[in-house]
C-alpha atoms as a PDB file:
ATOM      1  CA  UNK A   1      98.625  96.963 112.190  1.00  0.00           C
ATOM      2  CA  UNK A   2     101.993  97.641 110.549  1.00  0.00           C
ATOM      3  CA  UNK A   3     104.027  96.674 113.606  1.00  0.00           C
ATOM      4  CA  UNK A   4     102.126  93.397 114.034  1.00  0.00           C
ATOM      5  CA  UNK A   5     102.742  92.595 110.353  1.00  0.00           C
ATOM      6  CA  UNK A   6     106.452  93.423 110.498  1.00  0.00           C
ATOM      7  CA  UNK A   7     107.051  91.528 113.752  1.00  0.00           C
ATOM      8  CA  UNK A   8     105.094  88.397 112.787  1.00  0.00           C
ATOM      9  CA  UNK A   9     107.245  85.233 112.473  1.00  0.00           C
ATOM     10  CA  UNK A  10     104.624  83.559 110.222  1.00  0.00           C
ATOM     11  CA  UNK A  11     105.822  82.320 106.830  1.00  0.00           C
ATOM     12  CA  UNK A  12     102.707  83.697 105.081  1.00  0.00           C
ATOM     13  CA  UNK A  13     101.448  87.120 106.099  1.00  0.00           C
ATOM     14  CA  UNK A  14      98.482  89.037 104.686  1.00  0.00           C
ATOM     15  CA  UNK A  15      97.280  92.602 105.247  1.00  0.00           C
ATOM     16  CA  UNK A  16      93.526  93.016 104.823  1.00  0.00           C
ATOM     17  CA  UNK A  17      92.167  96.465 105.669  1.00  0.00           C
ATOM     18  CA  UNK A  18      90.114  99.252 104.144  1.00  0.00           C
ATOM     19  CA  UNK A  19      91.213 102.108 101.917  1.00  0.00           C
ATOM     20  CA  UNK A  20      94.110 104.343 102.973  1.00  0.00           C
ATOM     21  CA  UNK A  21      95.207 102.075 105.834  1.00  0.00           C
ATOM     22  CA  UNK A  22      98.892 101.809 104.870  1.00  0.00           C
ATOM     23  CA  UNK A  23      98.970  98.356 103.242  1.00  0.00           C
ATOM     24  CA  UNK A  24     101.296  99.338 100.405  1.00  0.00           C
ATOM     25  CA  UNK A  25     103.622 101.357 102.624  1.00  0.00           C
ATOM     26  CA  UNK A  26     103.843  98.501 105.141  1.00  0.00           C
ATOM     27  CA  UNK A  27     104.569  95.898 102.454  1.00  0.00           C
ATOM     28  CA  UNK A  28     107.252  98.076 100.858  1.00  0.00           C
ATOM     29  CA  UNK A  29     108.823  98.802 104.261  1.00  0.00           C
ATOM     30  CA  UNK A  30     108.943  95.049 104.894  1.00  0.00           C
ATOM     31  CA  UNK A  31     110.618  94.404 101.520  1.00  0.00           C
ATOM     32  CA  UNK A  32     113.081  97.279 102.052  1.00  0.00           C
ATOM     33  CA  UNK A  33     114.103  96.052 105.504  1.00  0.00           C
ATOM     34  CA  UNK A  34     114.650  92.550 104.134  1.00  0.00           C
ATOM     35  CA  UNK A  35     116.732  93.748 101.192  1.00  0.00           C
ATOM     36  CA  UNK A  36     118.863  95.930 103.470  1.00  0.00           C
ATOM     37  CA  UNK A  37     119.317  93.052 105.942  1.00  0.00           C
ATOM     38  CA  UNK A  38     117.928  95.016 108.901  1.00  0.00           C
ATOM     39  CA  UNK A  39     114.512  93.377 109.344  1.00  0.00           C
ATOM     40  CA  UNK A  40     113.510  93.082 113.040  1.00  0.00           C
ATOM     41  CA  UNK A  41     112.628  89.380 112.536  1.00  0.00           C
ATOM     42  CA  UNK A  42     116.156  88.045 112.007  1.00  0.00           C
ATOM     43  CA  UNK A  43     115.145  85.021 109.906  1.00  0.00           C
ATOM     44  CA  UNK A  44     113.801  87.420 107.261  1.00  0.00           C
ATOM     45  CA  UNK A  45     117.290  88.891 106.684  1.00  0.00           C
ATOM     46  CA  UNK A  46     118.449  85.613 105.097  1.00  0.00           C
ATOM     47  CA  UNK A  47     117.029  85.827 101.564  1.00  0.00           C
ATOM     48  CA  UNK A  48     117.335  82.453  99.820  1.00  0.00           C
ATOM     49  CA  UNK A  49     114.383  82.770  97.436  1.00  0.00           C
ATOM     50  CA  UNK A  50     113.042  85.607  95.311  1.00  0.00           C
ATOM     51  CA  UNK A  51     110.783  88.055  97.128  1.00  0.00           C
ATOM     52  CA  UNK A  52     107.374  88.128  95.430  1.00  0.00           C
ATOM     53  CA  UNK A  53     105.073  91.124  95.638  1.00  0.00           C
ATOM     54  CA  UNK A  54     101.488  90.771  94.450  1.00  0.00           C
ATOM     55  CA  UNK A  55      99.221  93.558  93.249  1.00  0.00           C
ATOM     56  CA  UNK A  56      95.641  93.494  92.077  1.00  0.00           C
ATOM     57  CA  UNK A  57      96.542  96.099  89.423  1.00  0.00           C
ATOM     58  CA  UNK A  58      98.478  95.275  86.276  1.00  0.00           C
ATOM     59  CA  UNK A  59     100.954  97.688  84.647  1.00  0.00           C
ATOM     60  CA  UNK A  60      99.348  99.990  82.095  1.00  0.00           C
ATOM     61  CA  UNK A  61     102.073  99.355  79.497  1.00  0.00           C
ATOM     62  CA  UNK A  62     104.824  96.889  78.631  1.00  0.00           C
ATOM     63  CA  UNK A  63     107.453  99.364  79.882  1.00  0.00           C
ATOM     64  CA  UNK A  64     106.787  98.662  83.593  1.00  0.00           C
END
């Protein structure tokens, strides 16, 4: 699942799986590779817009 997500050339990608399937780790790996400029899909290394990450959970305080 993670490799398919990382290698996908689609402009919108979604990970939908059950609990403990590695969704968060895969999304953070994707963001890290992009920020470091070493993403396997070369077009993702050119960051021209902000990277948005979405979570269903809100921070518990204003400090986050």
